[in-house]
Protein backbone atom coordinates (compact mmCIF):
# COMPACT_ATOMS: atom_id res chain seq x y z
CA MET A 1 -30.11 21.66 -38.42
CA ALA A 2 -32.97 21.04 -36.07
CA MET A 3 -34.26 23.82 -34.06
CA ASN A 4 -34.46 23.04 -30.36
CA ASP A 5 -34.94 25.89 -27.45
CA SER A 6 -31.20 25.44 -26.19
CA ALA A 7 -28.89 27.38 -27.89
CA LEU A 8 -26.45 24.62 -27.07
CA ASN A 9 -25.85 21.49 -28.97
CA PRO A 10 -27.56 18.53 -27.22
CA GLU A 11 -24.39 16.22 -28.52
CA GLU A 12 -21.64 18.49 -26.83
CA THR A 13 -23.92 19.21 -23.78
CA ALA A 14 -23.79 15.39 -22.91
CA ARG A 15 -20.19 15.20 -23.66
CA ILE A 16 -19.06 17.91 -21.38
CA ARG A 17 -21.39 16.37 -18.45
CA ALA A 18 -19.77 13.16 -19.11
CA LEU A 19 -16.55 14.72 -18.86
CA LEU A 20 -17.47 16.54 -15.50
CA LYS A 21 -18.54 13.52 -14.18
CA PRO A 22 -16.42 12.48 -10.86
CA ARG A 23 -14.56 9.38 -11.74
CA LYS A 24 -14.93 6.16 -9.58
CA LYS A 25 -12.29 5.64 -7.11
CA THR A 26 -10.42 2.14 -7.11
CA GLU A 27 -8.50 1.02 -4.44
CA ARG A 28 -4.56 0.66 -5.25
CA MET A 29 -2.83 -2.49 -4.46
CA TRP A 30 0.58 -1.30 -4.54
CA PRO A 31 0.69 0.58 -1.19
CA LEU A 32 -0.61 -2.70 0.81
CA LEU A 33 1.91 -4.66 -1.22
CA GLY A 34 4.92 -2.45 -0.34
CA ALA A 35 3.87 -2.31 3.39
CA ALA A 36 3.67 -6.36 3.50
CA PHE A 37 7.34 -6.26 1.26
CA LEU A 38 8.55 -3.83 4.26
CA ALA A 39 7.25 -6.31 6.91
CA ALA A 40 8.33 -9.43 5.72
CA VAL A 41 12.24 -8.10 4.92
CA SER A 42 12.05 -6.42 8.45
CA ALA A 43 10.77 -9.58 9.93
CA LEU A 44 13.49 -11.74 8.13
CA ALA A 45 16.34 -9.10 8.94
CA PHE A 46 15.17 -9.06 12.56
CA ALA A 47 15.48 -13.14 12.55
CA ALA A 48 18.89 -13.34 10.95
CA ALA A 49 20.11 -10.82 13.34
CA MET A 50 18.39 -13.05 16.62
CA ILE A 51 20.59 -16.27 14.92
CA VAL A 52 23.66 -14.12 14.04
CA ALA A 53 24.35 -12.14 17.56
CA PRO A 54 26.48 -13.61 19.99
CA PRO A 55 24.55 -14.79 23.31
CA VAL A 56 23.67 -12.08 25.80
CA VAL A 57 25.06 -14.13 28.50
CA SER A 58 29.08 -15.49 28.16
CA GLN A 59 29.64 -17.27 30.89
CA HIS A 60 27.65 -20.04 32.56
CA VAL A 61 24.97 -19.07 35.18
CA VAL A 62 25.60 -22.46 37.21
CA GLN A 63 29.12 -21.70 38.46
CA SER A 64 29.74 -24.89 40.43
CA ALA A 65 27.49 -28.10 41.00
CA PRO A 66 26.83 -29.08 44.48
């Protein structure tokens, strides 16, 4: 075993520093895809409701022609 000034093993110290280094943050795509899917489903639901819903005016606007 080689003599060095530190009582700690340099390989172990490097390993500990590598483990303590903060990880790179990566952006996740699942929240974005989930929000887009929810928006698409709600748009389709509103479109289907507009097609299926009965008309608001149930009688003719013009009752008699001049």
